[in-house]
């Protein structure tokens, strides 16, 4: 998948909306394993906007994890602050029922 791109105003609104959220996924020392990606995907499908806590690592490595997760999940990168990353993916629209 490719990373979802949002406008500046959309990102700012989602940043504000994410302020009160608690991290729902915690990454361990193993990084972005298949199980972690599946859990983030499940959280995005349920909540659209999620916070993920990253392990203590240098900033460039955290930025790489952030970009990799967003690209793999088709999500938008909203914010990376300290050891927290915020991702957004809109819920899929229901197909019309006939």
PDB file of N, CA and C in Angstrom:
ATOM      1  N   UNK A   1       0.840  -1.185   0.000  1.00  0.00           N
ATOM      2  CA  UNK A   1       0.000   0.000   0.000  1.00  0.00           C
ATOM      3  C   UNK A   1       0.877   1.238   0.000  1.00  0.00           C
ATOM      4  N   UNK A   2       0.261   2.344  -0.272  1.00  0.00           N
ATOM      5  CA  UNK A   2       0.984   3.602  -0.210  1.00  0.00           C
ATOM      6  C   UNK A   2       0.450   4.437   0.944  1.00  0.00           C
ATOM      7  N   UNK A   3       1.285   5.320   1.390  1.00  0.00           N
ATOM      8  CA  UNK A   3       0.925   6.182   2.505  1.00  0.00           C
ATOM      9  C   UNK A   3      -0.189   7.144   2.098  1.00  0.00           C
ATOM     10  N   UNK A   4      -1.127   7.361   2.984  1.00  0.00           N
ATOM     11  CA  UNK A   4      -2.226   8.291   2.767  1.00  0.00           C
ATOM     12  C   UNK A   4      -1.723   9.715   2.997  1.00  0.00           C
ATOM     13  N   UNK A   5      -2.044  10.617   2.098  1.00  0.00           N
ATOM     14  CA  UNK A   5      -1.604  12.007   2.210  1.00  0.00           C
ATOM     15  C   UNK A   5      -2.805  12.875   2.552  1.00  0.00           C
ATOM     16  N   UNK A   6      -2.657  13.679   3.598  1.00  0.00           N
ATOM     17  CA  UNK A   6      -3.718  14.577   4.040  1.00  0.00           C
ATOM     18  C   UNK A   6      -3.261  16.021   3.919  1.00  0.00           C
ATOM     19  N   UNK A   7      -4.230  16.921   3.872  1.00  0.00           N
ATOM     20  CA  UNK A   7      -3.889  18.345   3.840  1.00  0.00           C
ATOM     21  C   UNK A   7      -3.400  18.784   5.218  1.00  0.00           C
ATOM     22  N   UNK A   8      -2.782  19.932   5.258  1.00  0.00           N
ATOM     23  CA  UNK A   8      -2.259  20.486   6.506  1.00  0.00           C
ATOM     24  C   UNK A   8      -3.380  20.660   7.529  1.00  0.00           C
ATOM     25  N   UNK A   9      -4.508  21.200   7.097  1.00  0.00           N
ATOM     26  CA  UNK A   9      -5.629  21.435   8.007  1.00  0.00           C
ATOM     27  C   UNK A   9      -6.193  20.125   8.557  1.00  0.00           C
ATOM     28  N   UNK A  10      -6.263  19.102   7.718  1.00  0.00           N
ATOM     29  CA  UNK A  10      -6.740  17.804   8.187  1.00  0.00           C
ATOM     30  C   UNK A  10      -5.794  17.238   9.244  1.00  0.00           C
ATOM     31  N   UNK A  11      -4.476  17.335   8.993  1.00  0.00           N
ATOM     32  CA  UNK A  11      -3.496  16.843   9.962  1.00  0.00           C
ATOM     33  C   UNK A  11      -3.593  17.599  11.280  1.00  0.00           C
ATOM     34  N   UNK A  12      -3.746  18.918  11.210  1.00  0.00           N
ATOM     35  CA  UNK A  12      -3.857  19.712  12.434  1.00  0.00           C
ATOM     36  C   UNK A  12      -5.095  19.328  13.236  1.00  0.00           C
ATOM     37  N   UNK A  13      -6.211  19.102  12.565  1.00  0.00           N
ATOM     38  CA  UNK A  13      -7.426  18.697  13.263  1.00  0.00           C
ATOM     39  C   UNK A  13      -7.248  17.332  13.917  1.00  0.00           C
ATOM     40  N   UNK A  14      -6.621  16.392  13.191  1.00  0.00           N
ATOM     41  CA  UNK A  14      -6.401  15.056  13.741  1.00  0.00           C
ATOM     42  C   UNK A  14      -5.406  15.085  14.901  1.00  0.00           C
ATOM     43  N   UNK A  15      -4.414  15.972  14.837  1.00  0.00           N
ATOM     44  CA  UNK A  15      -3.489  16.148  15.971  1.00  0.00           C
ATOM     45  C   UNK A  15      -4.262  16.554  17.210  1.00  0.00           C
ATOM     46  N   UNK A  16      -5.146  17.513  17.047  1.00  0.00           N
ATOM     47  CA  UNK A  16      -5.964  17.982  18.172  1.00  0.00           C
ATOM     48  C   UNK A  16      -6.854  16.847  18.690  1.00  0.00           C
ATOM     49  N   UNK A  17      -7.436  16.077  17.784  1.00  0.00           N
ATOM     50  CA  UNK A  17      -8.306  14.969  18.177  1.00  0.00           C
ATOM     51  C   UNK A  17      -7.540  13.870  18.903  1.00  0.00           C
ATOM     52  N   UNK A  18      -6.260  13.704  18.581  1.00  0.00           N
ATOM     53  CA  UNK A  18      -5.471  12.618  19.171  1.00  0.00           C
ATOM     54  C   UNK A  18      -4.894  12.968  20.537  1.00  0.00           C
ATOM     55  N   UNK A  19      -5.004  14.210  20.928  1.00  0.00           N
ATOM     56  CA  UNK A  19      -4.360  14.662  22.161  1.00  0.00           C
ATOM     57  C   UNK A  19      -4.764  13.829  23.380  1.00  0.00           C
ATOM     58  N   UNK A  20      -6.027  13.489  23.501  1.00  0.00           N
ATOM     59  CA  UNK A  20      -6.517  12.768  24.674  1.00  0.00           C
ATOM     60  C   UNK A  20      -6.344  11.252  24.591  1.00  0.00           C
ATOM     61  N   UNK A  21      -5.912  10.740  23.463  1.00  0.00           N
ATOM     62  CA  UNK A  21      -5.793   9.291  23.276  1.00  0.00           C
ATOM     63  C   UNK A  21      -4.615   8.709  24.045  1.00  0.00           C
ATOM     64  N   UNK A  22      -4.769   7.478  24.465  1.00  0.00           N
ATOM     65  CA  UNK A  22      -3.690   6.707  25.071  1.00  0.00           C
ATOM     66  C   UNK A  22      -3.136   5.756  24.003  1.00  0.00           C
ATOM     67  N   UNK A  23      -1.865   5.377  24.101  1.00  0.00           N
ATOM     68  CA  UNK A  23      -1.311   4.415  23.138  1.00  0.00           C
ATOM     69  C   UNK A  23      -2.054   3.081  23.206  1.00  0.00           C
ATOM     70  N   UNK A  24      -2.413   2.541  22.064  1.00  0.00           N
ATOM     71  CA  UNK A  24      -3.122   1.259  22.024  1.00  0.00           C
ATOM     72  C   UNK A  24      -2.214   0.113  21.612  1.00  0.00           C
ATOM     73  N   UNK A  25      -1.058   0.439  21.042  1.00  0.00           N
ATOM     74  CA  UNK A  25      -0.089  -0.579  20.642  1.00  0.00           C
ATOM     75  C   UNK A  25       1.274  -0.146  21.169  1.00  0.00           C
ATOM     76  N   UNK A  26       2.012  -1.090  21.733  1.00  0.00           N
ATOM     77  CA  UNK A  26       3.353  -0.816  22.243  1.00  0.00           C
ATOM     78  C   UNK A  26       4.346  -1.653  21.461  1.00  0.00           C
ATOM     79  N   UNK A  27       5.318  -1.002  20.835  1.00  0.00           N
ATOM     80  CA  UNK A  27       6.349  -1.721  20.097  1.00  0.00           C
ATOM     81  C   UNK A  27       7.437  -2.149  21.065  1.00  0.00           C
ATOM     82  N   UNK A  28       7.932  -3.352  20.882  1.00  0.00           N
ATOM     83  CA  UNK A  28       9.028  -3.848  21.694  1.00  0.00           C
ATOM     84  C   UNK A  28      10.349  -3.668  20.975  1.00  0.00           C
ATOM     85  N   UNK A  29      11.370  -4.294  21.497  1.00  0.00           N
ATOM     86  CA  UNK A  29      12.705  -4.188  20.926  1.00  0.00           C
ATOM     87  C   UNK A  29      12.782  -4.806  19.535  1.00  0.00           C
ATOM     88  N   UNK A  30      11.849  -5.701  19.211  1.00  0.00           N
ATOM     89  CA  UNK A  30      11.859  -6.361  17.900  1.00  0.00           C
ATOM     90  C   UNK A  30      11.388  -5.447  16.781  1.00  0.00           C
ATOM     91  N   UNK A  31      10.776  -4.317  17.123  1.00  0.00           N
ATOM     92  CA  UNK A  31      10.348  -3.361  16.106  1.00  0.00           C
ATOM     93  C   UNK A  31       9.028  -3.741  15.465  1.00  0.00           C
ATOM     94  N   UNK A  32       8.907  -3.452  14.178  1.00  0.00           N
ATOM     95  CA  UNK A  32       7.660  -3.685  13.444  1.00  0.00           C
ATOM     96  C   UNK A  32       7.600  -5.122  12.921  1.00  0.00           C
ATOM     97  N   UNK A  33       7.218  -6.024  13.785  1.00  0.00           N
ATOM     98  CA  UNK A  33       7.049  -7.413  13.373  1.00  0.00           C
ATOM     99  C   UNK A  33       5.685  -7.563  12.696  1.00  0.00           C
ATOM    100  N   UNK A  34       5.457  -8.708  12.107  1.00  0.00           N
ATOM    101  CA  UNK A  34       4.174  -8.959  11.449  1.00  0.00           C
ATOM    102  C   UNK A  34       3.024  -8.892  12.455  1.00  0.00           C
ATOM    103  N   UNK A  35       3.254  -9.387  13.662  1.00  0.00           N
ATOM    104  CA  UNK A  35       2.209  -9.355  14.692  1.00  0.00           C
ATOM    105  C   UNK A  35       1.879  -7.924  15.101  1.00  0.00           C
ATOM    106  N   UNK A  36       2.895  -7.085  15.214  1.00  0.00           N
ATOM    107  CA  UNK A  36       2.679  -5.683  15.589  1.00  0.00           C
ATOM    108  C   UNK A  36       1.930  -4.956  14.474  1.00  0.00           C
ATOM    109  N   UNK A  37       2.309  -5.193  13.226  1.00  0.00           N
ATOM    110  CA  UNK A  37       1.623  -4.555  12.106  1.00  0.00           C
ATOM    111  C   UNK A  37       0.160  -4.982  12.056  1.00  0.00           C
ATOM    112  N   UNK A  38      -0.103  -6.251  12.343  1.00  0.00           N
ATOM    113  CA  UNK A  38      -1.472  -6.747  12.352  1.00  0.00           C
ATOM    114  C   UNK A  38      -2.269  -6.065  13.463  1.00  0.00           C
ATOM    115  N   UNK A  39      -1.651  -5.860  14.618  1.00  0.00           N
ATOM    116  CA  UNK A  39      -2.335  -5.215  15.736  1.00  0.00           C
ATOM    117  C   UNK A  39      -2.615  -3.739  15.443  1.00  0.00           C
ATOM    118  N   UNK A  40      -1.659  -3.058  14.825  1.00  0.00           N
ATOM    119  CA  UNK A  40      -1.885  -1.656  14.443  1.00  0.00           C
ATOM    120  C   UNK A  40      -2.999  -1.582  13.398  1.00  0.00           C
ATOM    121  N   UNK A  41      -2.987  -2.511  12.441  1.00  0.00           N
ATOM    122  CA  UNK A  41      -4.031  -2.563  11.415  1.00  0.00           C
ATOM    123  C   UNK A  41      -5.401  -2.772  12.053  1.00  0.00           C
ATOM    124  N   UNK A  42      -5.489  -3.673  13.030  1.00  0.00           N
ATOM    125  CA  UNK A  42      -6.739  -3.929  13.729  1.00  0.00           C
ATOM    126  C   UNK A  42      -7.206  -2.682  14.482  1.00  0.00           C
ATOM    127  N   UNK A  43      -6.268  -1.994  15.139  1.00  0.00           N
ATOM    128  CA  UNK A  43      -6.603  -0.779  15.884  1.00  0.00           C
ATOM    129  C   UNK A  43      -7.089   0.327  14.946  1.00  0.00           C
ATOM    130  N   UNK A  44      -6.447   0.473  13.795  1.00  0.00           N
ATOM    131  CA  UNK A  44      -6.880   1.478  12.821  1.00  0.00           C
ATOM    132  C   UNK A  44      -8.266   1.148  12.275  1.00  0.00           C
ATOM    133  N   UNK A  45      -8.546  -0.129  12.056  1.00  0.00           N
ATOM    134  CA  UNK A  45      -9.855  -0.529  11.551  1.00  0.00           C
ATOM    135  C   UNK A  45     -10.951  -0.253  12.579  1.00  0.00           C
ATOM    136  N   UNK A  46     -10.593  -0.305  13.853  1.00  0.00           N
ATOM    137  CA  UNK A  46     -11.589  -0.083  14.902  1.00  0.00           C
ATOM    138  C   UNK A  46     -11.734   1.387  15.276  1.00  0.00           C
ATOM    139  N   UNK A  47     -10.619   2.138  15.266  1.00  0.00           N
ATOM    140  CA  UNK A  47     -10.627   3.496  15.817  1.00  0.00           C
ATOM    141  C   UNK A  47     -10.282   4.602  14.826  1.00  0.00           C
ATOM    142  N   UNK A  48      -9.722   4.311  13.699  1.00  0.00           N
ATOM    143  CA  UNK A  48      -9.262   5.271  12.686  1.00  0.00           C
ATOM    144  C   UNK A  48      -8.009   6.026  13.116  1.00  0.00           C
ATOM    145  N   UNK A  49      -7.977   6.540  14.329  1.00  0.00           N
ATOM    146  CA  UNK A  49      -6.888   7.376  14.826  1.00  0.00           C
ATOM    147  C   UNK A  49      -6.280   6.681  16.033  1.00  0.00           C
ATOM    148  N   UNK A  50      -4.989   6.303  15.940  1.00  0.00           N
ATOM    149  CA  UNK A  50      -4.368   5.554  17.035  1.00  0.00           C
ATOM    150  C   UNK A  50      -2.989   6.116  17.365  1.00  0.00           C
ATOM    151  N   UNK A  51      -2.618   5.917  18.627  1.00  0.00           N
ATOM    152  CA  UNK A  51      -1.270   6.242  19.088  1.00  0.00           C
ATOM    153  C   UNK A  51      -0.536   4.940  19.305  1.00  0.00           C
ATOM    154  N   UNK A  52       0.740   4.942  18.925  1.00  0.00           N
ATOM    155  CA  UNK A  52       1.599   3.776  19.101  1.00  0.00           C
ATOM    156  C   UNK A  52       2.849   4.227  19.837  1.00  0.00           C
ATOM    157  N   UNK A  53       3.194   3.505  20.923  1.00  0.00           N
ATOM    158  CA  UNK A  53       4.407   3.832  21.672  1.00  0.00           C
ATOM    159  C   UNK A  53       5.575   3.043  21.091  1.00  0.00           C
ATOM    160  N   UNK A  54       6.657   3.765  20.810  1.00  0.00           N
ATOM    161  CA  UNK A  54       7.859   3.180  20.213  1.00  0.00           C
ATOM    162  C   UNK A  54       8.909   2.909  21.278  1.00  0.00           C
ATOM    163  N   UNK A  55       9.846   1.995  21.002  1.00  0.00           N
ATOM    164  CA  UNK A  55      10.926   1.756  21.961  1.00  0.00           C
ATOM    165  C   UNK A  55      11.914   2.932  21.951  1.00  0.00           C
ATOM    166  N   UNK A  56      12.686   3.022  23.016  1.00  0.00           N
ATOM    167  CA  UNK A  56      13.715   4.055  23.087  1.00  0.00           C
ATOM    168  C   UNK A  56      14.754   3.761  22.005  1.00  0.00           C
ATOM    169  N   UNK A  57      14.902   4.694  21.090  1.00  0.00           N
ATOM    170  CA  UNK A  57      15.858   4.547  19.992  1.00  0.00           C
ATOM    171  C   UNK A  57      16.145   5.936  19.443  1.00  0.00           C
ATOM    172  N   UNK A  58      17.194   6.069  18.638  1.00  0.00           N
ATOM    173  CA  UNK A  58      17.504   7.390  18.052  1.00  0.00           C
ATOM    174  C   UNK A  58      16.354   7.891  17.174  1.00  0.00           C
ATOM    175  N   UNK A  59      16.216   9.195  17.095  1.00  0.00           N
ATOM    176  CA  UNK A  59      15.119   9.812  16.336  1.00  0.00           C
ATOM    177  C   UNK A  59      15.058   9.341  14.882  1.00  0.00           C
ATOM    178  N   UNK A  60      16.178   9.270  14.157  1.00  0.00           N
ATOM    179  CA  UNK A  60      16.074   8.799  12.753  1.00  0.00           C
ATOM    180  C   UNK A  60      15.473   7.397  12.649  1.00  0.00           C
ATOM    181  N   UNK A  61      15.774   6.542  13.604  1.00  0.00           N
ATOM    182  CA  UNK A  61      15.217   5.191  13.576  1.00  0.00           C
ATOM    183  C   UNK A  61      13.713   5.227  13.858  1.00  0.00           C
ATOM    184  N   UNK A  62      13.270   6.083  14.784  1.00  0.00           N
ATOM    185  CA  UNK A  62      11.834   6.218  15.064  1.00  0.00           C
ATOM    186  C   UNK A  62      11.113   6.779  13.840  1.00  0.00           C
ATOM    187  N   UNK A  63      11.726   7.746  13.147  1.00  0.00           N
ATOM    188  CA  UNK A  63      11.121   8.305  11.935  1.00  0.00           C
ATOM    189  C   UNK A  63      10.981   7.240  10.848  1.00  0.00           C
ATOM    190  N   UNK A  64      11.971   6.372  10.751  1.00  0.00           N
ATOM    191  CA  UNK A  64      11.921   5.297   9.764  1.00  0.00           C
ATOM    192  C   UNK A  64      10.792   4.314  10.092  1.00  0.00           C
ATOM    193  N   UNK A  65      10.636   3.960  11.375  1.00  0.00           N
ATOM    194  CA  UNK A  65       9.538   3.076  11.780  1.00  0.00           C
ATOM    195  C   UNK A  65       8.187   3.713  11.469  1.00  0.00           C
ATOM    196  N   UNK A  66       8.082   5.020  11.720  1.00  0.00           N
ATOM    197  CA  UNK A  66       6.860   5.785  11.465  1.00  0.00           C
ATOM    198  C   UNK A  66       6.497   5.726   9.985  1.00  0.00           C
ATOM    199  N   UNK A  67       7.452   6.017   9.122  1.00  0.00           N
ATOM    200  CA  UNK A  67       7.220   6.008   7.677  1.00  0.00           C
ATOM    201  C   UNK A  67       6.905   4.603   7.179  1.00  0.00           C
ATOM    202  N   UNK A  68       7.611   3.619   7.696  1.00  0.00           N
ATOM    203  CA  UNK A  68       7.404   2.234   7.268  1.00  0.00           C
ATOM    204  C   UNK A  68       6.002   1.747   7.654  1.00  0.00           C
ATOM    205  N   UNK A  69       5.572   2.046   8.870  1.00  0.00           N
ATOM    206  CA  UNK A  69       4.242   1.629   9.323  1.00  0.00           C
ATOM    207  C   UNK A  69       3.153   2.299   8.475  1.00  0.00           C
ATOM    208  N   UNK A  70       3.293   3.597   8.239  1.00  0.00           N
ATOM    209  CA  UNK A  70       2.289   4.323   7.457  1.00  0.00           C
ATOM    210  C   UNK A  70       2.194   3.779   6.041  1.00  0.00           C
ATOM    211  N   UNK A  71       3.329   3.536   5.418  1.00  0.00           N
ATOM    212  CA  UNK A  71       3.334   3.035   4.042  1.00  0.00           C
ATOM    213  C   UNK A  71       2.746   1.624   3.965  1.00  0.00           C
ATOM    214  N   UNK A  72       3.115   0.774   4.901  1.00  0.00           N
ATOM    215  CA  UNK A  72       2.652  -0.617   4.884  1.00  0.00           C
ATOM    216  C   UNK A  72       1.156  -0.717   5.138  1.00  0.00           C
ATOM    217  N   UNK A  73       0.617   0.165   5.988  1.00  0.00           N
ATOM    218  CA  UNK A  73      -0.791   0.088   6.373  1.00  0.00           C
ATOM    219  C   UNK A  73      -1.701   0.999   5.553  1.00  0.00           C
ATOM    220  N   UNK A  74      -1.139   1.816   4.687  1.00  0.00           N
ATOM    221  CA  UNK A  74      -1.949   2.754   3.920  1.00  0.00           C
ATOM    222  C   UNK A  74      -2.557   3.823   4.807  1.00  0.00           C
ATOM    223  N   UNK A  75      -1.800   4.232   5.817  1.00  0.00           N
ATOM    224  CA  UNK A  75      -2.270   5.218   6.791  1.00  0.00           C
ATOM    225  C   UNK A  75      -1.537   6.538   6.590  1.00  0.00           C
ATOM    226  N   UNK A  76      -2.048   7.562   7.238  1.00  0.00           N
ATOM    227  CA  UNK A  76      -1.413   8.877   7.186  1.00  0.00           C
ATOM    228  C   UNK A  76      -0.618   9.097   8.467  1.00  0.00           C
ATOM    229  N   UNK A  77       0.573   9.661   8.309  1.00  0.00           N
ATOM    230  CA  UNK A  77       1.374  10.033   9.477  1.00  0.00           C
ATOM    231  C   UNK A  77       0.849  11.368   9.991  1.00  0.00           C
ATOM    232  N   UNK A  78       0.376  11.387  11.207  1.00  0.00           N
ATOM    233  CA  UNK A  78      -0.163  12.603  11.794  1.00  0.00           C
ATOM    234  C   UNK A  78       0.892  13.308  12.630  1.00  0.00           C
ATOM    235  N   UNK A  79       1.536  12.564  13.527  1.00  0.00           N
ATOM    236  CA  UNK A  79       2.490  13.205  14.422  1.00  0.00           C
ATOM    237  C   UNK A  79       3.454  12.177  14.996  1.00  0.00           C
ATOM    238  N   UNK A  80       4.702  12.575  15.134  1.00  0.00           N
ATOM    239  CA  UNK A  80       5.709  11.797  15.848  1.00  0.00           C
ATOM    240  C   UNK A  80       6.266  12.726  16.905  1.00  0.00           C
ATOM    241  N   UNK A  81       5.952  12.438  18.145  1.00  0.00           N
ATOM    242  CA  UNK A  81       6.401  13.288  19.234  1.00  0.00           C
ATOM    243  C   UNK A  81       7.013  12.393  20.303  1.00  0.00           C
ATOM    244  N   UNK A  82       8.306  12.562  20.505  1.00  0.00           N
ATOM    245  CA  UNK A  82       9.007  11.700  21.445  1.00  0.00           C
ATOM    246  C   UNK A  82       8.933  10.265  20.991  1.00  0.00           C
ATOM    247  N   UNK A  83       8.417   9.410  21.864  1.00  0.00           N
ATOM    248  CA  UNK A  83       8.300   7.987  21.550  1.00  0.00           C
ATOM    249  C   UNK A  83       6.879   7.596  21.142  1.00  0.00           C
ATOM    250  N   UNK A  84       6.068   8.574  20.780  1.00  0.00           N
ATOM    251  CA  UNK A  84       4.695   8.296  20.355  1.00  0.00           C
ATOM    252  C   UNK A  84       4.508   8.663  18.890  1.00  0.00           C
ATOM    253  N   UNK A  85       3.871   7.771  18.149  1.00  0.00           N
ATOM    254  CA  UNK A  85       3.480   8.118  16.787  1.00  0.00           C
ATOM    255  C   UNK A  85       1.974   8.015  16.685  1.00  0.00           C
ATOM    256  N   UNK A  86       1.401   8.915  15.910  1.00  0.00           N
ATOM    257  CA  UNK A  86      -0.045   8.941  15.704  1.00  0.00           C
ATOM    258  C   UNK A  86      -0.307   8.653  14.232  1.00  0.00           C
ATOM    259  N   UNK A  87      -1.153   7.663  13.988  1.00  0.00           N
ATOM    260  CA  UNK A  87      -1.510   7.257  12.630  1.00  0.00           C
ATOM    261  C   UNK A  87      -3.020   7.387  12.441  1.00  0.00           C
ATOM    262  N   UNK A  88      -3.422   7.681  11.204  1.00  0.00           N
ATOM    263  CA  UNK A  88      -4.837   7.796  10.862  1.00  0.00           C
ATOM    264  C   UNK A  88      -5.100   7.054   9.564  1.00  0.00           C
ATOM    265  N   UNK A  89      -6.201   6.323   9.557  1.00  0.00           N
ATOM    266  CA  UNK A  89      -6.696   5.711   8.326  1.00  0.00           C
ATOM    267  C   UNK A  89      -8.216   5.713   8.402  1.00  0.00           C
ATOM    268  N   UNK A  90      -8.895   6.340   7.432  1.00  0.00           N
ATOM    269  CA  UNK A  90     -10.357   6.381   7.484  1.00  0.00           C
ATOM    270  C   UNK A  90     -10.941   4.982   7.347  1.00  0.00           C
ATOM    271  N   UNK A  91     -12.095   4.824   7.943  1.00  0.00           N
ATOM    272  CA  UNK A  91     -12.791   3.549   7.818  1.00  0.00           C
ATOM    273  C   UNK A  91     -13.223   3.356   6.369  1.00  0.00           C
ATOM    274  N   UNK A  92     -13.158   2.138   5.862  1.00  0.00           N
ATOM    275  CA  UNK A  92     -13.604   1.911   4.484  1.00  0.00           C
ATOM    276  C   UNK A  92     -15.107   2.134   4.391  1.00  0.00           C
ATOM    277  N   UNK A  93     -15.508   2.690   3.284  1.00  0.00           N
ATOM    278  CA  UNK A  93     -16.941   2.910   3.071  1.00  0.00           C
ATOM    279  C   UNK A  93     -17.609   1.574   2.794  1.00  0.00           C
ATOM    280  N   UNK A  94     -18.808   1.418   3.358  1.00  0.00           N
ATOM    281  CA  UNK A  94     -19.554   0.186   3.132  1.00  0.00           C
ATOM    282  C   UNK A  94     -20.032   0.142   1.690  1.00  0.00           C
ATOM    283  N   UNK A  95     -19.890  -1.000   1.041  1.00  0.00           N
ATOM    284  CA  UNK A  95     -20.403  -1.099  -0.330  1.00  0.00           C
ATOM    285  C   UNK A  95     -21.924  -1.032  -0.315  1.00  0.00           C
ATOM    286  N   UNK A  96     -22.519  -0.466  -1.341  1.00  0.00           N
ATOM    287  CA  UNK A  96     -23.977  -0.379  -1.370  1.00  0.00           C
ATOM    288  C   UNK A  96     -24.584  -1.777  -1.392  1.00  0.00           C
ATOM    289  N   UNK A  97     -25.622  -1.937  -0.582  1.00  0.00           N
ATOM    290  CA  UNK A  97     -26.301  -3.231  -0.520  1.00  0.00           C
ATOM    291  C   UNK A  97     -27.441  -3.242  -1.529  1.00  0.00           C
ATOM    292  N   UNK A  98     -27.529  -4.336  -2.259  1.00  0.00           N
ATOM    293  CA  UNK A  98     -28.595  -4.426  -3.265  1.00  0.00           C
ATOM    294  C   UNK A  98     -29.610  -5.469  -2.897  1.00  0.00           C
TER     295      UNK A  98
END
